[in-house]
Structure formats: structure tokens, C-alpha cells
Amino acid sequence: MKKREAHLPSAESSPEDRELFRAHVADATPHAAKSFLPKRAKPAARATFKRADEAQVLRDSLELSSLEGILDNGDHLNYCRSGVSEQILRKLRKGRYSVQAEIDLHGLTVVRAREELNSFLAECRREHLGCVRVIHGKGLRSGNAGPVLKSKVAVWLKQASHVVAYTSARPVDGGTGALYVLLERLR
């Protein structure tokens, strides 16, 4: 069965069509205008993430204190575990150790970068690698806050028990956007 469509009479319609239309809609009553979306009162503001925000501030403040002894001169990062010869850090800074693997973290979220870095370091340990490169980026899109991943990676590496030393890479290997990381070898 074919559906019939109702058409409103237009100015070009014949007078008979207009009369026929009026006869068909004579019994109809118009609907009152209603808004389609009911207006609801706005819910009261809640501090949903207050605890999480406060916890993050605490974590950040602890990490900032962990940056002591890492920053060399603004952009360059250096760290050497206590008891390790300064000569090892000097050789690492000059690129004298062969880079055996690398990971590129820039562009990742902080959470994802930490997961990837931990996984990468665990794999490097299983493979008995000695020197690796971690690319964290220079934070050029971070605005006034400065490079986010760079400082986070520096703290995470300092906290890793199997990291002996690290330093910013030579310009040819990423400069201040990457680190040479010297790992403790398993026996």
C-alpha cells in the first residue's frame, strides 16, 4: 500500500486544491507550542577531583625535590648514582658508549610514557643491554610550563635502581630532547 503524503497548498495551487485541503483539515486542532528540550536546573558544582588534584600536587612536589642533582645548566640533564665514577658520566656525555636500543616517548601522555619507559627498561634488562637512548622531546609545545616529559623522565630514571647514570645526548643524537642512559648489567 502506497503512503499518501500531505502537501500544503501553495500560491500556485488551484482554488479547488486549496478548498479540498481546508475541508480535510477542518476538524484538526493546532497543538500548543512546546519546547523539545525540557529545561533542567544546573546541578550544583562539586569538587569531584579535589582529592585527586591534591594528591597530584603532592606527587609533583615530591618529584621536584627529586630533581636535585639532575639539572646541570637549564636544558642539560645529568645524573650519576652515588659511588659511580665521574669519569663514567664524562664518557657517557661524550657518546663513548654504544647505544644498543632506544625508545621515543615524545608526544605520549605522562601515564602512557611511564608505562612505555618501564616496559622498555625491563626489556633492556632482560636483554642485558648496557647503554640505551630515551627520547623525551624538548617540550616545545608545552608553553610556559616547560617540558613535561623531560622532567618526569629524569625523575623516573633517577628512581630506577638499575640506572647507573644518564646525561643529555649529543646534538647528533637528539641533544637536550634525548638522554643516554647507562644501565647496570645483570650477571
C-alpha atoms as a PDB file:
ATOM      1  CA  MET A   1       0.000   0.000   0.000  1.00  0.00           C
ATOM      2  CA  LYS A   2       1.430   3.333  -1.027  1.00  0.00           C
ATOM      3  CA  LYS A   3       1.504   6.096   1.578  1.00  0.00           C
ATOM      4  CA  ARG A   4      -0.070   9.360   0.637  1.00  0.00           C
ATOM      5  CA  GLU A   5       1.849  12.457   1.524  1.00  0.00           C
ATOM      6  CA  ALA A   6       0.064  15.578   2.706  1.00  0.00           C
ATOM      7  CA  HIS A   7       1.034  18.715   0.874  1.00  0.00           C
ATOM      8  CA  LEU A   8       0.216  22.214   1.964  1.00  0.00           C
ATOM      9  CA  PRO A   9      -1.413  24.312  -0.726  1.00  0.00           C
ATOM     10  CA  SER A  10       0.944  26.743  -2.326  1.00  0.00           C
ATOM     11  CA  ALA A  11       0.199  30.031  -4.043  1.00  0.00           C
ATOM     12  CA  GLU A  12       0.350  28.200  -7.379  1.00  0.00           C
ATOM     13  CA  SER A  13      -2.307  25.678  -6.278  1.00  0.00           C
ATOM     14  CA  SER A  14      -5.666  25.814  -7.936  1.00  0.00           C
ATOM     15  CA  PRO A  15      -8.610  27.152  -5.916  1.00  0.00           C
ATOM     16  CA  GLU A  16     -10.121  23.644  -5.930  1.00  0.00           C
ATOM     17  CA  ASP A  17      -6.954  22.186  -4.309  1.00  0.00           C
ATOM     18  CA  ARG A  18      -6.995  24.849  -1.603  1.00  0.00           C
ATOM     19  CA  GLU A  19     -10.694  24.156  -0.849  1.00  0.00           C
ATOM     20  CA  LEU A  20     -10.050  20.417  -0.710  1.00  0.00           C
ATOM     21  CA  PHE A  21      -7.170  20.954   1.723  1.00  0.00           C
ATOM     22  CA  ARG A  22      -9.284  23.150   4.020  1.00  0.00           C
ATOM     23  CA  ALA A  23     -12.046  20.530   4.013  1.00  0.00           C
ATOM     24  CA  HIS A  24      -9.573  17.810   5.106  1.00  0.00           C
ATOM     25  CA  VAL A  25      -8.077  19.818   7.968  1.00  0.00           C
ATOM     26  CA  ALA A  26     -11.315  21.412   9.173  1.00  0.00           C
ATOM     27  CA  ASP A  27     -11.548  19.090  12.230  1.00  0.00           C
ATOM     28  CA  ALA A  28      -7.872  19.493  13.199  1.00  0.00           C
ATOM     29  CA  THR A  29      -6.916  21.458  16.296  1.00  0.00           C
ATOM     30  CA  PRO A  30      -3.479  23.064  16.433  1.00  0.00           C
ATOM     31  CA  HIS A  31      -1.015  21.907  19.077  1.00  0.00           C
ATOM     32  CA  ALA A  32       0.289  24.317  21.630  1.00  0.00           C
ATOM     33  CA  ALA A  33       3.898  25.244  21.018  1.00  0.00           C
ATOM     34  CA  LYS A  34       6.256  23.236  23.272  1.00  0.00           C
ATOM     35  CA  SER A  35       9.982  23.294  23.570  1.00  0.00           C
ATOM     36  CA  PHE A  36      11.543  19.998  22.627  1.00  0.00           C
ATOM     37  CA  LEU A  37      14.200  20.011  25.348  1.00  0.00           C
ATOM     38  CA  PRO A  38      12.999  20.235  28.917  1.00  0.00           C
ATOM     39  CA  LYS A  39      14.888  22.846  30.884  1.00  0.00           C
ATOM     40  CA  ARG A  40      16.551  21.424  33.949  1.00  0.00           C
ATOM     41  CA  ALA A  41      18.241  23.223  36.751  1.00  0.00           C
ATOM     42  CA  LYS A  42      22.017  23.109  36.558  1.00  0.00           C
ATOM     43  CA  PRO A  43      23.482  20.748  39.140  1.00  0.00           C
ATOM     44  CA  ALA A  44      25.430  22.324  41.950  1.00  0.00           C
ATOM     45  CA  ALA A  45      29.183  22.387  41.428  1.00  0.00           C
ATOM     46  CA  ARG A  46      31.006  19.549  43.150  1.00  0.00           C
ATOM     47  CA  ALA A  47      34.697  19.206  43.776  1.00  0.00           C
ATOM     48  CA  THR A  48      34.768  15.802  42.101  1.00  0.00           C
ATOM     49  CA  PHE A  49      38.503  15.715  41.521  1.00  0.00           C
ATOM     50  CA  LYS A  50      39.610  17.628  44.612  1.00  0.00           C
ATOM     51  CA  ARG A  51      41.306  14.645  46.249  1.00  0.00           C
ATOM     52  CA  ALA A  52      42.955  13.582  43.011  1.00  0.00           C
ATOM     53  CA  ASP A  53      44.180  17.143  42.387  1.00  0.00           C
ATOM     54  CA  GLU A  54      45.601  17.414  45.888  1.00  0.00           C
ATOM     55  CA  ALA A  55      47.324  14.039  45.528  1.00  0.00           C
ATOM     56  CA  GLN A  56      48.828  15.150  42.205  1.00  0.00           C
ATOM     57  CA  VAL A  57      50.162  18.340  43.775  1.00  0.00           C
ATOM     58  CA  LEU A  58      51.815  16.249  46.482  1.00  0.00           C
ATOM     59  CA  ARG A  59      53.357  13.883  43.903  1.00  0.00           C
ATOM     60  CA  ASP A  60      54.619  16.831  41.863  1.00  0.00           C
ATOM     61  CA  SER A  61      56.196  18.466  44.885  1.00  0.00           C
ATOM     62  CA  LEU A  62      57.956  15.205  45.763  1.00  0.00           C
ATOM     63  CA  GLU A  63      59.203  14.857  42.199  1.00  0.00           C
ATOM     64  CA  LEU A  64      60.518  18.432  42.198  1.00  0.00           C
ATOM     65  CA  SER A  65      62.627  17.604  45.237  1.00  0.00           C
ATOM     66  CA  SER A  66      63.831  14.535  43.322  1.00  0.00           C
ATOM     67  CA  LEU A  67      65.194  16.823  40.594  1.00  0.00           C
ATOM     68  CA  GLU A  68      68.011  17.916  42.891  1.00  0.00           C
ATOM     69  CA  GLY A  69      71.334  16.880  41.467  1.00  0.00           C
ATOM     70  CA  ILE A  70      69.886  16.277  37.991  1.00  0.00           C
ATOM     71  CA  LEU A  71      69.754  19.683  36.338  1.00  0.00           C
ATOM     72  CA  ASP A  72      73.119  20.801  35.034  1.00  0.00           C
ATOM     73  CA  ASN A  73      72.527  24.112  33.284  1.00  0.00           C
ATOM     74  CA  GLY A  74      68.921  24.666  32.350  1.00  0.00           C
ATOM     75  CA  ASP A  75      68.479  22.342  29.400  1.00  0.00           C
ATOM     76  CA  HIS A  76      71.076  19.658  30.045  1.00  0.00           C
ATOM     77  CA  LEU A  77      70.289  16.769  32.361  1.00  0.00           C
ATOM     78  CA  ASN A  78      72.952  14.802  34.218  1.00  0.00           C
ATOM     79  CA  TYR A  79      72.698  12.122  36.863  1.00  0.00           C
ATOM     80  CA  CYS A  80      75.212   9.724  38.293  1.00  0.00           C
ATOM     81  CA  ARG A  81      74.375   7.253  41.072  1.00  0.00           C
ATOM     82  CA  SER A  82      76.482   7.741  44.177  1.00  0.00           C
ATOM     83  CA  GLY A  83      79.628   5.640  44.194  1.00  0.00           C
ATOM     84  CA  VAL A  84      79.926   5.743  40.390  1.00  0.00           C
ATOM     85  CA  SER A  85      82.994   7.397  38.929  1.00  0.00           C
ATOM     86  CA  GLU A  86      82.605  10.851  37.389  1.00  0.00           C
ATOM     87  CA  GLN A  87      84.704   9.508  34.506  1.00  0.00           C
ATOM     88  CA  ILE A  88      81.833   7.181  33.514  1.00  0.00           C
ATOM     89  CA  LEU A  89      79.454  10.144  33.282  1.00  0.00           C
ATOM     90  CA  ARG A  90      82.036  12.051  31.218  1.00  0.00           C
ATOM     91  CA  LYS A  91      82.366   9.125  28.765  1.00  0.00           C
ATOM     92  CA  LEU A  92      78.582   8.842  28.570  1.00  0.00           C
ATOM     93  CA  ARG A  93      78.255  12.588  27.870  1.00  0.00           C
ATOM     94  CA  LYS A  94      80.753  12.305  25.007  1.00  0.00           C
ATOM     95  CA  GLY A  95      78.835   9.412  23.465  1.00  0.00           C
ATOM     96  CA  ARG A  96      81.616   6.864  24.040  1.00  0.00           C
ATOM     97  CA  TYR A  97      79.186   4.067  24.907  1.00  0.00           C
ATOM     98  CA  SER A  98      77.437   2.282  22.063  1.00  0.00           C
ATOM     99  CA  VAL A  99      73.670   2.865  22.130  1.00  0.00           C
ATOM    100  CA  GLN A 100      72.078  -0.573  21.918  1.00  0.00           C
ATOM    101  CA  ALA A 101      68.381   0.389  21.904  1.00  0.00           C
ATOM    102  CA  GLU A 102      66.163   3.451  22.008  1.00  0.00           C
ATOM    103  CA  ILE A 103      62.619   4.475  22.808  1.00  0.00           C
ATOM    104  CA  ASP A 104      60.774   7.577  21.601  1.00  0.00           C
ATOM    105  CA  LEU A 105      58.338   8.927  24.207  1.00  0.00           C
ATOM    106  CA  HIS A 106      57.610  12.417  22.927  1.00  0.00           C
ATOM    107  CA  GLY A 107      54.003  13.045  22.084  1.00  0.00           C
ATOM    108  CA  LEU A 108      52.758  10.494  24.668  1.00  0.00           C
ATOM    109  CA  THR A 109      50.756  11.325  27.774  1.00  0.00           C
ATOM    110  CA  VAL A 110      52.634  11.196  31.081  1.00  0.00           C
ATOM    111  CA  VAL A 111      50.860   7.994  32.129  1.00  0.00           C
ATOM    112  CA  ARG A 112      51.489   6.260  28.807  1.00  0.00           C
ATOM    113  CA  ALA A 113      55.111   7.464  28.706  1.00  0.00           C
ATOM    114  CA  ARG A 114      55.785   5.985  32.141  1.00  0.00           C
ATOM    115  CA  GLU A 115      54.276   2.643  31.141  1.00  0.00           C
ATOM    116  CA  GLU A 116      56.315   2.561  27.928  1.00  0.00           C
ATOM    117  CA  LEU A 117      59.543   3.566  29.703  1.00  0.00           C
ATOM    118  CA  ASN A 118      59.124   0.943  32.437  1.00  0.00           C
ATOM    119  CA  SER A 119      58.395  -1.736  29.856  1.00  0.00           C
ATOM    120  CA  PHE A 120      61.383  -0.654  27.742  1.00  0.00           C
ATOM    121  CA  LEU A 121      63.777  -0.664  30.703  1.00  0.00           C
ATOM    122  CA  ALA A 122      62.573  -4.101  31.813  1.00  0.00           C
ATOM    123  CA  GLU A 123      63.160  -5.448  28.305  1.00  0.00           C
ATOM    124  CA  CYS A 124      66.630  -3.869  28.187  1.00  0.00           C
ATOM    125  CA  ARG A 125      67.469  -5.544  31.468  1.00  0.00           C
ATOM    126  CA  ARG A 126      66.315  -8.946  30.208  1.00  0.00           C
ATOM    127  CA  GLU A 127      68.465  -8.445  27.103  1.00  0.00           C
ATOM    128  CA  HIS A 128      71.499  -7.386  29.218  1.00  0.00           C
ATOM    129  CA  LEU A 129      71.843  -4.048  27.426  1.00  0.00           C
ATOM    130  CA  GLY A 130      74.276  -1.513  28.822  1.00  0.00           C
ATOM    131  CA  CYS A 131      73.519   1.821  27.141  1.00  0.00           C
ATOM    132  CA  VAL A 132      70.208   2.997  25.687  1.00  0.00           C
ATOM    133  CA  ARG A 133      68.751   6.255  24.401  1.00  0.00           C
ATOM    134  CA  VAL A 134      65.475   7.655  25.722  1.00  0.00           C
ATOM    135  CA  ILE A 135      63.911  10.346  23.530  1.00  0.00           C
ATOM    136  CA  HIS A 136      61.598  12.551  25.580  1.00  0.00           C
ATOM    137  CA  GLY A 137      61.416  15.601  23.319  1.00  0.00           C
ATOM    138  CA  LYS A 138      62.242  19.198  24.112  1.00  0.00           C
ATOM    139  CA  GLY A 139      58.781  20.280  25.208  1.00  0.00           C
ATOM    140  CA  LEU A 140      58.441  22.952  22.537  1.00  0.00           C
ATOM    141  CA  ARG A 141      54.630  22.736  22.662  1.00  0.00           C
ATOM    142  CA  SER A 142      54.461  22.810  26.473  1.00  0.00           C
ATOM    143  CA  GLY A 143      54.211  26.576  26.723  1.00  0.00           C
ATOM    144  CA  ASN A 144      55.220  28.355  29.910  1.00  0.00           C
ATOM    145  CA  ALA A 145      55.029  25.174  31.981  1.00  0.00           C
ATOM    146  CA  GLY A 146      58.196  23.933  30.316  1.00  0.00           C
ATOM    147  CA  PRO A 147      58.911  20.423  29.103  1.00  0.00           C
ATOM    148  CA  VAL A 148      56.711  17.979  30.990  1.00  0.00           C
ATOM    149  CA  LEU A 149      58.077  14.619  29.871  1.00  0.00           C
ATOM    150  CA  LYS A 150      61.677  15.733  30.154  1.00  0.00           C
ATOM    151  CA  SER A 151      61.481  16.381  33.883  1.00  0.00           C
ATOM    152  CA  LYS A 152      59.264  13.348  34.531  1.00  0.00           C
ATOM    153  CA  VAL A 153      61.639  11.013  32.676  1.00  0.00           C
ATOM    154  CA  ALA A 154      64.586  12.464  34.618  1.00  0.00           C
ATOM    155  CA  VAL A 155      62.889  11.663  37.929  1.00  0.00           C
ATOM    156  CA  TRP A 156      61.727   8.201  36.845  1.00  0.00           C
ATOM    157  CA  LEU A 157      65.215   7.249  35.692  1.00  0.00           C
ATOM    158  CA  LYS A 158      66.760   8.535  38.905  1.00  0.00           C
ATOM    159  CA  GLN A 159      64.329   6.395  40.896  1.00  0.00           C
ATOM    160  CA  ALA A 160      65.075   3.244  38.854  1.00  0.00           C
ATOM    161  CA  SER A 161      67.521   1.109  40.827  1.00  0.00           C
ATOM    162  CA  HIS A 162      69.242  -0.318  37.737  1.00  0.00           C
ATOM    163  CA  VAL A 163      70.054   3.083  36.180  1.00  0.00           C
ATOM    164  CA  VAL A 164      73.713   3.882  36.813  1.00  0.00           C
ATOM    165  CA  ALA A 165      73.866   7.276  35.081  1.00  0.00           C
ATOM    166  CA  TYR A 166      72.288   9.393  32.382  1.00  0.00           C
ATOM    167  CA  THR A 167      73.023  12.592  30.551  1.00  0.00           C
ATOM    168  CA  SER A 168      71.568  14.665  27.732  1.00  0.00           C
ATOM    169  CA  ALA A 169      72.543  13.300  24.339  1.00  0.00           C
ATOM    170  CA  ARG A 170      74.934  14.902  21.883  1.00  0.00           C
ATOM    171  CA  PRO A 171      73.217  17.153  19.297  1.00  0.00           C
ATOM    172  CA  VAL A 172      73.583  14.493  16.609  1.00  0.00           C
ATOM    173  CA  ASP A 173      71.541  12.069  18.777  1.00  0.00           C
ATOM    174  CA  GLY A 174      68.774  14.433  19.856  1.00  0.00           C
ATOM    175  CA  GLY A 175      70.568  16.891  22.119  1.00  0.00           C
ATOM    176  CA  THR A 176      68.518  18.070  25.075  1.00  0.00           C
ATOM    177  CA  GLY A 177      65.497  16.174  23.731  1.00  0.00           C
ATOM    178  CA  ALA A 178      67.087  12.797  24.472  1.00  0.00           C
ATOM    179  CA  LEU A 179      69.135  11.028  27.129  1.00  0.00           C
ATOM    180  CA  TYR A 180      71.911   8.475  27.067  1.00  0.00           C
ATOM    181  CA  VAL A 181      71.124   6.045  29.866  1.00  0.00           C
ATOM    182  CA  LEU A 182      73.710   3.679  31.297  1.00  0.00           C
ATOM    183  CA  LEU A 183      72.160   0.568  32.832  1.00  0.00           C
ATOM    184  CA  GLU A 184      73.538  -1.827  35.385  1.00  0.00           C
ATOM    185  CA  ARG A 185      74.222  -5.164  33.750  1.00  0.00           C
ATOM    186  CA  LEU A 186      72.850  -8.324  35.320  1.00  0.00           C
ATOM    187  CA  ARG A 187      75.411 -11.001  35.982  1.00  0.00           C
END
